[in-house]
Amino acid sequence: GIRKRKDYHDDASSLDPKAVIVAGVLGG
């Protein structure tokens, strides 16, 4: 839950939503 605003915007523009969902489910 800790993230810099710039890093958040970089992630939002470069991450694939499907990959984030898969990584989130696996991480959970």
mmCIF file of all heavy atoms, coordinates in Angstrom:
data_MODEL
# 
_entry.id   MODEL 
# 
loop_
_atom_site.group_PDB 
_atom_site.id 
_atom_site.type_symbol 
_atom_site.label_atom_id 
_atom_site.label_alt_id 
_atom_site.label_comp_id 
_atom_site.label_asym_id 
_atom_site.label_entity_id 
_atom_site.label_seq_id 
_atom_site.pdbx_PDB_ins_code 
_atom_site.Cartn_x 
_atom_site.Cartn_y 
_atom_site.Cartn_z 
_atom_site.occupancy 
_atom_site.B_iso_or_equiv 
_atom_site.pdbx_formal_charge 
_atom_site.auth_seq_id 
_atom_site.auth_comp_id 
_atom_site.auth_asym_id 
_atom_site.auth_atom_id 
_atom_site.pdbx_PDB_model_num 
ATOM 1   N N   . GLY A 1 1  ? 0.792  -1.223  0.000   1.00 0.00 ? 1  GLY A N   1 
ATOM 2   C CA  . GLY A 1 1  ? 0.000  0.000   0.000   1.00 0.00 ? 1  GLY A CA  1 
ATOM 3   C C   . GLY A 1 1  ? 0.822  1.270   0.000   1.00 0.00 ? 1  GLY A C   1 
ATOM 4   O O   . GLY A 1 1  ? 0.298  2.352   0.277   1.00 0.00 ? 1  GLY A O   1 
ATOM 5   N N   . ILE A 1 2  ? 2.104  1.157   -0.294  1.00 0.00 ? 2  ILE A N   1 
ATOM 6   C CA  . ILE A 1 2  ? 2.977  2.326   -0.345  1.00 0.00 ? 2  ILE A CA  1 
ATOM 7   C C   . ILE A 1 2  ? 3.503  2.454   -1.772  1.00 0.00 ? 2  ILE A C   1 
ATOM 8   O O   . ILE A 1 2  ? 4.127  1.545   -2.282  1.00 0.00 ? 2  ILE A O   1 
ATOM 9   C CB  . ILE A 1 2  ? 4.165  2.172   0.626   1.00 0.00 ? 2  ILE A CB  1 
ATOM 10  C CG1 . ILE A 1 2  ? 3.668  1.956   2.041   1.00 0.00 ? 2  ILE A CG1 1 
ATOM 11  C CG2 . ILE A 1 2  ? 5.082  3.374   0.533   1.00 0.00 ? 2  ILE A CG2 1 
ATOM 12  C CD1 . ILE A 1 2  ? 4.769  1.598   3.014   1.00 0.00 ? 2  ILE A CD1 1 
ATOM 13  N N   . ARG A 1 3  ? 3.240  3.603   -2.375  1.00 0.00 ? 3  ARG A N   1 
ATOM 14  C CA  . ARG A 1 3  ? 3.688  3.803   -3.752  1.00 0.00 ? 3  ARG A CA  1 
ATOM 15  C C   . ARG A 1 3  ? 3.757  5.290   -4.041  1.00 0.00 ? 3  ARG A C   1 
ATOM 16  O O   . ARG A 1 3  ? 2.870  6.050   -3.643  1.00 0.00 ? 3  ARG A O   1 
ATOM 17  C CB  . ARG A 1 3  ? 2.692  3.145   -4.710  1.00 0.00 ? 3  ARG A CB  1 
ATOM 18  C CG  . ARG A 1 3  ? 3.203  2.933   -6.099  1.00 0.00 ? 3  ARG A CG  1 
ATOM 19  C CD  . ARG A 1 3  ? 4.153  1.796   -6.153  1.00 0.00 ? 3  ARG A CD  1 
ATOM 20  N NE  . ARG A 1 3  ? 4.458  1.488   -7.533  1.00 0.00 ? 3  ARG A NE  1 
ATOM 21  C CZ  . ARG A 1 3  ? 5.588  0.984   -7.911  1.00 0.00 ? 3  ARG A CZ  1 
ATOM 22  N NH1 . ARG A 1 3  ? 6.506  0.697   -7.033  1.00 0.00 ? 3  ARG A NH1 1 
ATOM 23  N NH2 . ARG A 1 3  ? 5.820  0.723   -9.164  1.00 0.00 ? 3  ARG A NH2 1 
ATOM 24  N N   . LYS A 1 4  ? 4.802  5.723   -4.724  1.00 0.00 ? 4  LYS A N   1 
ATOM 25  C CA  . LYS A 1 4  ? 4.910  7.121   -5.125  1.00 0.00 ? 4  LYS A CA  1 
ATOM 26  C C   . LYS A 1 4  ? 3.920  7.388   -6.253  1.00 0.00 ? 4  LYS A C   1 
ATOM 27  O O   . LYS A 1 4  ? 3.614  6.510   -7.058  1.00 0.00 ? 4  LYS A O   1 
ATOM 28  C CB  . LYS A 1 4  ? 6.320  7.429   -5.614  1.00 0.00 ? 4  LYS A CB  1 
ATOM 29  C CG  . LYS A 1 4  ? 7.370  7.366   -4.547  1.00 0.00 ? 4  LYS A CG  1 
ATOM 30  C CD  . LYS A 1 4  ? 8.740  7.698   -5.135  1.00 0.00 ? 4  LYS A CD  1 
ATOM 31  C CE  . LYS A 1 4  ? 9.811  7.574   -4.093  1.00 0.00 ? 4  LYS A CE  1 
ATOM 32  N NZ  . LYS A 1 4  ? 11.141 7.815   -4.662  1.00 0.00 ? 4  LYS A NZ  1 
ATOM 33  N N   . ARG A 1 5  ? 3.423  8.610   -6.314  1.00 0.00 ? 5  ARG A N   1 
ATOM 34  C CA  . ARG A 1 5  ? 2.440  8.960   -7.339  1.00 0.00 ? 5  ARG A CA  1 
ATOM 35  C C   . ARG A 1 5  ? 3.017  8.776   -8.746  1.00 0.00 ? 5  ARG A C   1 
ATOM 36  O O   . ARG A 1 5  ? 2.345  8.276   -9.640  1.00 0.00 ? 5  ARG A O   1 
ATOM 37  C CB  . ARG A 1 5  ? 1.981  10.405  -7.154  1.00 0.00 ? 5  ARG A CB  1 
ATOM 38  C CG  . ARG A 1 5  ? 0.885  10.811  -8.129  1.00 0.00 ? 5  ARG A CG  1 
ATOM 39  C CD  . ARG A 1 5  ? 0.413  12.216  -7.863  1.00 0.00 ? 5  ARG A CD  1 
ATOM 40  N NE  . ARG A 1 5  ? -0.072 12.369  -6.504  1.00 0.00 ? 5  ARG A NE  1 
ATOM 41  C CZ  . ARG A 1 5  ? -1.371 12.364  -6.181  1.00 0.00 ? 5  ARG A CZ  1 
ATOM 42  N NH1 . ARG A 1 5  ? -2.269 12.232  -7.111  1.00 0.00 ? 5  ARG A NH1 1 
ATOM 43  N NH2 . ARG A 1 5  ? -1.745 12.506  -4.932  1.00 0.00 ? 5  ARG A NH2 1 
ATOM 44  N N   . LYS A 1 6  ? 4.275  9.159   -8.949  1.00 0.00 ? 6  LYS A N   1 
ATOM 45  C CA  . LYS A 1 6  ? 4.900  9.008   -10.267 1.00 0.00 ? 6  LYS A CA  1 
ATOM 46  C C   . LYS A 1 6  ? 4.970  7.531   -10.655 1.00 0.00 ? 6  LYS A C   1 
ATOM 47  O O   . LYS A 1 6  ? 4.669  7.173   -11.795 1.00 0.00 ? 6  LYS A O   1 
ATOM 48  C CB  . LYS A 1 6  ? 6.299  9.618   -10.263 1.00 0.00 ? 6  LYS A CB  1 
ATOM 49  C CG  . LYS A 1 6  ? 7.017  9.475   -11.591 1.00 0.00 ? 6  LYS A CG  1 
ATOM 50  C CD  . LYS A 1 6  ? 8.483  9.871   -11.465 1.00 0.00 ? 6  LYS A CD  1 
ATOM 51  C CE  . LYS A 1 6  ? 9.249  9.632   -12.723 1.00 0.00 ? 6  LYS A CE  1 
ATOM 52  N NZ  . LYS A 1 6  ? 9.244  8.271   -13.215 1.00 0.00 ? 6  LYS A NZ  1 
ATOM 53  N N   . ASP A 1 7  ? 5.367  6.679   -9.708  1.00 0.00 ? 7  ASP A N   1 
ATOM 54  C CA  . ASP A 1 7  ? 5.442  5.249   -9.999  1.00 0.00 ? 7  ASP A CA  1 
ATOM 55  C C   . ASP A 1 7  ? 4.064  4.676   -10.300 1.00 0.00 ? 7  ASP A C   1 
ATOM 56  O O   . ASP A 1 7  ? 3.911  3.812   -11.153 1.00 0.00 ? 7  ASP A O   1 
ATOM 57  C CB  . ASP A 1 7  ? 6.075  4.494   -8.825  1.00 0.00 ? 7  ASP A CB  1 
ATOM 58  C CG  . ASP A 1 7  ? 7.540  4.843   -8.650  1.00 0.00 ? 7  ASP A CG  1 
ATOM 59  O OD1 . ASP A 1 7  ? 8.182  5.250   -9.632  1.00 0.00 ? 7  ASP A OD1 1 
ATOM 60  O OD2 . ASP A 1 7  ? 8.037  4.707   -7.510  1.00 0.00 ? 7  ASP A OD2 1 
ATOM 61  N N   . TYR A 1 8  ? 3.048  5.161   -9.593  1.00 0.00 ? 8  TYR A N   1 
ATOM 62  C CA  . TYR A 1 8  ? 1.677  4.714   -9.858  1.00 0.00 ? 8  TYR A CA  1 
ATOM 63  C C   . TYR A 1 8  ? 1.270  5.062   -11.288 1.00 0.00 ? 8  TYR A C   1 
ATOM 64  O O   . TYR A 1 8  ? 0.718  4.224   -12.000 1.00 0.00 ? 8  TYR A O   1 
ATOM 65  C CB  . TYR A 1 8  ? 0.709  5.353   -8.860  1.00 0.00 ? 8  TYR A CB  1 
ATOM 66  C CG  . TYR A 1 8  ? -0.734 5.163   -9.250  1.00 0.00 ? 8  TYR A CG  1 
ATOM 67  C CD1 . TYR A 1 8  ? -1.356 3.929   -9.085  1.00 0.00 ? 8  TYR A CD1 1 
ATOM 68  C CD2 . TYR A 1 8  ? -1.470 6.199   -9.815  1.00 0.00 ? 8  TYR A CD2 1 
ATOM 69  C CE1 . TYR A 1 8  ? -2.670 3.753   -9.464  1.00 0.00 ? 8  TYR A CE1 1 
ATOM 70  C CE2 . TYR A 1 8  ? -2.780 6.023   -10.195 1.00 0.00 ? 8  TYR A CE2 1 
ATOM 71  C CZ  . TYR A 1 8  ? -3.380 4.799   -10.007 1.00 0.00 ? 8  TYR A CZ  1 
ATOM 72  O OH  . TYR A 1 8  ? -4.674 4.618   -10.395 1.00 0.00 ? 8  TYR A OH  1 
ATOM 73  N N   . HIS A 1 9  ? 1.556  6.279   -11.706 1.00 0.00 ? 9  HIS A N   1 
ATOM 74  C CA  . HIS A 1 9  ? 1.194  6.685   -13.072 1.00 0.00 ? 9  HIS A CA  1 
ATOM 75  C C   . HIS A 1 9  ? 1.998  5.905   -14.108 1.00 0.00 ? 9  HIS A C   1 
ATOM 76  O O   . HIS A 1 9  ? 1.460  5.547   -15.164 1.00 0.00 ? 9  HIS A O   1 
ATOM 77  C CB  . HIS A 1 9  ? 1.388  8.189   -13.246 1.00 0.00 ? 9  HIS A CB  1 
ATOM 78  C CG  . HIS A 1 9  ? 0.368  9.001   -12.512 1.00 0.00 ? 9  HIS A CG  1 
ATOM 79  N ND1 . HIS A 1 9  ? -0.979 8.950   -12.798 1.00 0.00 ? 9  HIS A ND1 1 
ATOM 80  C CD2 . HIS A 1 9  ? 0.491  9.869   -11.486 1.00 0.00 ? 9  HIS A CD2 1 
ATOM 81  C CE1 . HIS A 1 9  ? -1.635 9.746   -11.996 1.00 0.00 ? 9  HIS A CE1 1 
ATOM 82  N NE2 . HIS A 1 9  ? -0.765 10.328  -11.173 1.00 0.00 ? 9  HIS A NE2 1 
ATOM 83  N N   . ASP A 1 10 ? 3.271  5.638   -13.819 1.00 0.00 ? 10 ASP A N   1 
ATOM 84  C CA  . ASP A 1 10 ? 4.072  4.822   -14.735 1.00 0.00 ? 10 ASP A CA  1 
ATOM 85  C C   . ASP A 1 10 ? 3.490  3.416   -14.849 1.00 0.00 ? 10 ASP A C   1 
ATOM 86  O O   . ASP A 1 10 ? 3.403  2.852   -15.947 1.00 0.00 ? 10 ASP A O   1 
ATOM 87  C CB  . ASP A 1 10 ? 5.519  4.744   -14.264 1.00 0.00 ? 10 ASP A CB  1 
ATOM 88  C CG  . ASP A 1 10 ? 6.256  6.073   -14.397 1.00 0.00 ? 10 ASP A CG  1 
ATOM 89  O OD1 . ASP A 1 10 ? 5.760  6.957   -15.140 1.00 0.00 ? 10 ASP A OD1 1 
ATOM 90  O OD2 . ASP A 1 10 ? 7.307  6.217   -13.754 1.00 0.00 ? 10 ASP A OD2 1 
ATOM 91  N N   . ASP A 1 11 ? 3.090  2.845   -13.713 1.00 0.00 ? 11 ASP A N   1 
ATOM 92  C CA  . ASP A 1 11 ? 2.488  1.514   -13.724 1.00 0.00 ? 11 ASP A CA  1 
ATOM 93  C C   . ASP A 1 11 ? 1.171  1.509   -14.481 1.00 0.00 ? 11 ASP A C   1 
ATOM 94  O O   . ASP A 1 11 ? 0.884  0.595   -15.250 1.00 0.00 ? 11 ASP A O   1 
ATOM 95  C CB  . ASP A 1 11 ? 2.253  1.011   -12.302 1.00 0.00 ? 11 ASP A CB  1 
ATOM 96  C CG  . ASP A 1 11 ? 3.529  0.660   -11.578 1.00 0.00 ? 11 ASP A CG  1 
ATOM 97  O OD1 . ASP A 1 11 ? 4.568  0.513   -12.252 1.00 0.00 ? 11 ASP A OD1 1 
ATOM 98  O OD2 . ASP A 1 11 ? 3.482  0.522   -10.341 1.00 0.00 ? 11 ASP A OD2 1 
ATOM 99  N N   . ALA A 1 12 ? 0.366  2.525   -14.248 1.00 0.00 ? 12 ALA A N   1 
ATOM 100 C CA  . ALA A 1 12 ? -0.942 2.586   -14.899 1.00 0.00 ? 12 ALA A CA  1 
ATOM 101 C C   . ALA A 1 12 ? -0.815 2.647   -16.420 1.00 0.00 ? 12 ALA A C   1 
ATOM 102 O O   . ALA A 1 12 ? -1.682 2.136   -17.137 1.00 0.00 ? 12 ALA A O   1 
ATOM 103 C CB  . ALA A 1 12 ? -1.721 3.789   -14.389 1.00 0.00 ? 12 ALA A CB  1 
ATOM 104 N N   . SER A 1 13 ? 0.260  3.239   -16.900 1.00 0.00 ? 13 SER A N   1 
ATOM 105 C CA  . SER A 1 13 ? 0.408  3.356   -18.351 1.00 0.00 ? 13 SER A CA  1 
ATOM 106 C C   . SER A 1 13 ? 1.172  2.188   -18.970 1.00 0.00 ? 13 SER A C   1 
ATOM 107 O O   . SER A 1 13 ? 1.116  2.002   -20.181 1.00 0.00 ? 13 SER A O   1 
ATOM 108 C CB  . SER A 1 13 ? 1.114  4.668   -18.702 1.00 0.00 ? 13 SER A CB  1 
ATOM 109 O OG  . SER A 1 13 ? 2.423  4.661   -18.190 1.00 0.00 ? 13 SER A OG  1 
ATOM 110 N N   . SER A 1 14 ? 1.878  1.396   -18.159 1.00 0.00 ? 14 SER A N   1 
ATOM 111 C CA  . SER A 1 14 ? 2.715  0.355   -18.756 1.00 0.00 ? 14 SER A CA  1 
ATOM 112 C C   . SER A 1 14 ? 2.287  -1.074  -18.422 1.00 0.00 ? 14 SER A C   1 
ATOM 113 O O   . SER A 1 14 ? 2.764  -2.003  -19.052 1.00 0.00 ? 14 SER A O   1 
ATOM 114 C CB  . SER A 1 14 ? 4.176  0.538   -18.330 1.00 0.00 ? 14 SER A CB  1 
ATOM 115 O OG  . SER A 1 14 ? 4.320  0.290   -16.948 1.00 0.00 ? 14 SER A OG  1 
ATOM 116 N N   . LEU A 1 15 ? 1.401  -1.259  -17.443 1.00 0.00 ? 15 LEU A N   1 
ATOM 117 C CA  . LEU A 1 15 ? 1.029  -2.615  -17.052 1.00 0.00 ? 15 LEU A CA  1 
ATOM 118 C C   . LEU A 1 15 ? -0.181 -3.104  -17.831 1.00 0.00 ? 15 LEU A C   1 
ATOM 119 O O   . LEU A 1 15 ? -1.108 -2.352  -18.124 1.00 0.00 ? 15 LEU A O   1 
ATOM 120 C CB  . LEU A 1 15 ? 0.718  -2.678  -15.550 1.00 0.00 ? 15 LEU A CB  1 
ATOM 121 C CG  . LEU A 1 15 ? 1.892  -2.422  -14.621 1.00 0.00 ? 15 LEU A CG  1 
ATOM 122 C CD1 . LEU A 1 15 ? 1.414  -2.408  -13.184 1.00 0.00 ? 15 LEU A CD1 1 
ATOM 123 C CD2 . LEU A 1 15 ? 2.969  -3.461  -14.802 1.00 0.00 ? 15 LEU A CD2 1 
ATOM 124 N N   . ASP A 1 16 ? -0.172 -4.383  -18.130 1.00 0.00 ? 16 ASP A N   1 
ATOM 125 C CA  . ASP A 1 16 ? -1.298 -5.032  -18.781 1.00 0.00 ? 16 ASP A CA  1 
ATOM 126 C C   . ASP A 1 16 ? -2.288 -5.459  -17.701 1.00 0.00 ? 16 ASP A C   1 
ATOM 127 O O   . ASP A 1 16 ? -1.904 -6.186  -16.774 1.00 0.00 ? 16 ASP A O   1 
ATOM 128 C CB  . ASP A 1 16 ? -0.799 -6.249  -19.568 1.00 0.00 ? 16 ASP A CB  1 
ATOM 129 C CG  . ASP A 1 16 ? -1.909 -6.994  -20.268 1.00 0.00 ? 16 ASP A CG  1 
ATOM 130 O OD1 . ASP A 1 16 ? -2.954 -6.381  -20.552 1.00 0.00 ? 16 ASP A OD1 1 
ATOM 131 O OD2 . ASP A 1 16 ? -1.722 -8.194  -20.536 1.00 0.00 ? 16 ASP A OD2 1 
ATOM 132 N N   . PRO A 1 17 ? -3.546 -5.028  -17.768 1.00 0.00 ? 17 PRO A N   1 
ATOM 133 C CA  . PRO A 1 17 ? -4.506 -5.357  -16.717 1.00 0.00 ? 17 PRO A CA  1 
ATOM 134 C C   . PRO A 1 17 ? -4.673 -6.866  -16.480 1.00 0.00 ? 17 PRO A C   1 
ATOM 135 O O   . PRO A 1 17 ? -4.826 -7.301  -15.344 1.00 0.00 ? 17 PRO A O   1 
ATOM 136 C CB  . PRO A 1 17 ? -5.817 -4.742  -17.201 1.00 0.00 ? 17 PRO A CB  1 
ATOM 137 C CG  . PRO A 1 17 ? -5.403 -3.674  -18.144 1.00 0.00 ? 17 PRO A CG  1 
ATOM 138 C CD  . PRO A 1 17 ? -4.122 -4.139  -18.773 1.00 0.00 ? 17 PRO A CD  1 
ATOM 139 N N   . LYS A 1 18 ? -4.620 -7.649  -17.538 1.00 0.00 ? 18 LYS A N   1 
ATOM 140 C CA  . LYS A 1 18 ? -4.765 -9.104  -17.375 1.00 0.00 ? 18 LYS A CA  1 
ATOM 141 C C   . LYS A 1 18 ? -3.593 -9.677  -16.594 1.00 0.00 ? 18 LYS A C   1 
ATOM 142 O O   . LYS A 1 18 ? -3.779 -10.539 -15.725 1.00 0.00 ? 18 LYS A O   1 
ATOM 143 C CB  . LYS A 1 18 ? -4.865 -9.784  -18.735 1.00 0.00 ? 18 LYS A CB  1 
ATOM 144 C CG  . LYS A 1 18 ? -6.127 -9.444  -19.482 1.00 0.00 ? 18 LYS A CG  1 
ATOM 145 C CD  . LYS A 1 18 ? -6.109 -10.042 -20.867 1.00 0.00 ? 18 LYS A CD  1 
ATOM 146 C CE  . LYS A 1 18 ? -7.284 -9.515  -21.667 1.00 0.00 ? 18 LYS A CE  1 
ATOM 147 N NZ  . LYS A 1 18 ? -7.224 -9.909  -23.060 1.00 0.00 ? 18 LYS A NZ  1 
ATOM 148 N N   . ALA A 1 19 ? -2.389 -9.191  -16.868 1.00 0.00 ? 19 ALA A N   1 
ATOM 149 C CA  . ALA A 1 19 ? -1.205 -9.666  -16.140 1.00 0.00 ? 19 ALA A CA  1 
ATOM 150 C C   . ALA A 1 19 ? -1.271 -9.250  -14.678 1.00 0.00 ? 19 ALA A C   1 
ATOM 151 O O   . ALA A 1 19 ? -0.869 -10.009 -13.797 1.00 0.00 ? 19 ALA A O   1 
ATOM 152 C CB  . ALA A 1 19 ? 0.059  -9.128  -16.799 1.00 0.00 ? 19 ALA A CB  1 
ATOM 153 N N   . VAL A 1 20 ? -1.798 -8.057  -14.409 1.00 0.00 ? 20 VAL A N   1 
ATOM 154 C CA  . VAL A 1 20 ? -1.924 -7.595  -13.026 1.00 0.00 ? 20 VAL A CA  1 
ATOM 155 C C   . VAL A 1 20 ? -2.921 -8.466  -12.269 1.00 0.00 ? 20 VAL A C   1 
ATOM 156 O O   . VAL A 1 20 ? -2.688 -8.833  -11.112 1.00 0.00 ? 20 VAL A O   1 
ATOM 157 C CB  . VAL A 1 20 ? -2.346 -6.109  -12.984 1.00 0.00 ? 20 VAL A CB  1 
ATOM 158 C CG1 . VAL A 1 20 ? -2.683 -5.671  -11.575 1.00 0.00 ? 20 VAL A CG1 1 
ATOM 159 C CG2 . VAL A 1 20 ? -1.254 -5.235  -13.565 1.00 0.00 ? 20 VAL A CG2 1 
ATOM 160 N N   . ILE A 1 21 ? -4.020 -8.822  -12.903 1.00 0.00 ? 21 ILE A N   1 
ATOM 161 C CA  . ILE A 1 21 ? -5.021 -9.673  -12.254 1.00 0.00 ? 21 ILE A CA  1 
ATOM 162 C C   . ILE A 1 21 ? -4.426 -11.044 -11.937 1.00 0.00 ? 21 ILE A C   1 
ATOM 163 O O   . ILE A 1 21 ? -4.578 -11.562 -10.827 1.00 0.00 ? 21 ILE A O   1 
ATOM 164 C CB  . ILE A 1 21 ? -6.284 -9.794  -13.137 1.00 0.00 ? 21 ILE A CB  1 
ATOM 165 C CG1 . ILE A 1 21 ? -7.000 -8.447  -13.179 1.00 0.00 ? 21 ILE A CG1 1 
ATOM 166 C CG2 . ILE A 1 21 ? -7.202 -10.888 -12.628 1.00 0.00 ? 21 ILE A CG2 1 
ATOM 167 C CD1 . ILE A 1 21 ? -8.111 -8.371  -14.188 1.00 0.00 ? 21 ILE A CD1 1 
ATOM 168 N N   . VAL A 1 22 ? -3.732 -11.630 -12.897 1.00 0.00 ? 22 VAL A N   1 
ATOM 169 C CA  . VAL A 1 22 ? -3.113 -12.940 -12.674 1.00 0.00 ? 22 VAL A CA  1 
ATOM 170 C C   . VAL A 1 22 ? -2.073 -12.861 -11.562 1.00 0.00 ? 22 VAL A C   1 
ATOM 171 O O   . VAL A 1 22 ? -2.054 -13.701 -10.654 1.00 0.00 ? 22 VAL A O   1 
ATOM 172 C CB  . VAL A 1 22 ? -2.492 -13.482 -13.985 1.00 0.00 ? 22 VAL A CB  1 
ATOM 173 C CG1 . VAL A 1 22 ? -1.654 -14.714 -13.725 1.00 0.00 ? 22 VAL A CG1 1 
ATOM 174 C CG2 . VAL A 1 22 ? -3.588 -13.780 -14.994 1.00 0.00 ? 22 VAL A CG2 1 
ATOM 175 N N   . ALA A 1 23 ? -1.217 -11.849 -11.600 1.00 0.00 ? 23 ALA A N   1 
ATOM 176 C CA  . ALA A 1 23 ? -0.192 -11.696 -10.563 1.00 0.00 ? 23 ALA A CA  1 
ATOM 177 C C   . ALA A 1 23 ? -0.822 -11.439 -9.206  1.00 0.00 ? 23 ALA A C   1 
ATOM 178 O O   . ALA A 1 23 ? -0.354 -11.950 -8.187  1.00 0.00 ? 23 ALA A O   1 
ATOM 179 C CB  . ALA A 1 23 ? 0.764  -10.558 -10.931 1.00 0.00 ? 23 ALA A CB  1 
ATOM 180 N N   . GLY A 1 24 ? -1.909 -10.682 -9.156  1.00 0.00 ? 24 GLY A N   1 
ATOM 181 C CA  . GLY A 1 24 ? -2.605 -10.412 -7.896  1.00 0.00 ? 24 GLY A CA  1 
ATOM 182 C C   . GLY A 1 24 ? -3.239 -11.659 -7.306  1.00 0.00 ? 24 GLY A C   1 
ATOM 183 O O   . GLY A 1 24 ? -3.151 -11.903 -6.101  1.00 0.00 ? 24 GLY A O   1 
ATOM 184 N N   . VAL A 1 25 ? -3.868 -12.466 -8.148  1.00 0.00 ? 25 VAL A N   1 
ATOM 185 C CA  . VAL A 1 25 ? -4.478 -13.713 -7.671  1.00 0.00 ? 25 VAL A CA  1 
ATOM 186 C C   . VAL A 1 25 ? -3.399 -14.668 -7.169  1.00 0.00 ? 25 VAL A C   1 
ATOM 187 O O   . VAL A 1 25 ? -3.541 -15.275 -6.099  1.00 0.00 ? 25 VAL A O   1 
ATOM 188 C CB  . VAL A 1 25 ? -5.346 -14.358 -8.776  1.00 0.00 ? 25 VAL A CB  1 
ATOM 189 C CG1 . VAL A 1 25 ? -5.761 -15.765 -8.405  1.00 0.00 ? 25 VAL A CG1 1 
ATOM 190 C CG2 . VAL A 1 25 ? -6.574 -13.501 -9.045  1.00 0.00 ? 25 VAL A CG2 1 
ATOM 191 N N   . LEU A 1 26 ? -2.320 -14.804 -7.927  1.00 0.00 ? 26 LEU A N   1 
ATOM 192 C CA  . LEU A 1 26 ? -1.226 -15.676 -7.490  1.00 0.00 ? 26 LEU A CA  1 
ATOM 193 C C   . LEU A 1 26 ? -0.583 -15.161 -6.204  1.00 0.00 ? 26 LEU A C   1 
ATOM 194 O O   . LEU A 1 26 ? -0.292 -15.945 -5.290  1.00 0.00 ? 26 LEU A O   1 
ATOM 195 C CB  . LEU A 1 26 ? -0.181 -15.809 -8.591  1.00 0.00 ? 26 LEU A CB  1 
ATOM 196 C CG  . LEU A 1 26 ? -0.592 -16.628 -9.810  1.00 0.00 ? 26 LEU A CG  1 
ATOM 197 C CD1 . LEU A 1 26 ? 0.508  -16.576 -10.867 1.00 0.00 ? 26 LEU A CD1 1 
ATOM 198 C CD2 . LEU A 1 26 ? -0.895 -18.056 -9.426  1.00 0.00 ? 26 LEU A CD2 1 
ATOM 199 N N   . GLY A 1 27 ? -0.360 -13.859 -6.116  1.00 0.00 ? 27 GLY A N   1 
ATOM 200 C CA  . GLY A 1 27 ? 0.208  -13.280 -4.903  1.00 0.00 ? 27 GLY A CA  1 
ATOM 201 C C   . GLY A 1 27 ? -0.697 -13.483 -3.704  1.00 0.00 ? 27 GLY A C   1 
ATOM 202 O O   . GLY A 1 27 ? -0.235 -13.810 -2.610  1.00 0.00 ? 27 GLY A O   1 
ATOM 203 N N   . GLY A 1 28 ? -1.987 -13.291 -3.891  1.00 0.00 ? 28 GLY A N   1 
ATOM 204 C CA  . GLY A 1 28 ? -2.948 -13.518 -2.805  1.00 0.00 ? 28 GLY A CA  1 
ATOM 205 C C   . GLY A 1 28 ? -2.988 -14.973 -2.382  1.00 0.00 ? 28 GLY A C   1 
ATOM 206 O O   . GLY A 1 28 ? -3.043 -15.282 -1.182  1.00 0.00 ? 28 GLY A O   1 
# 
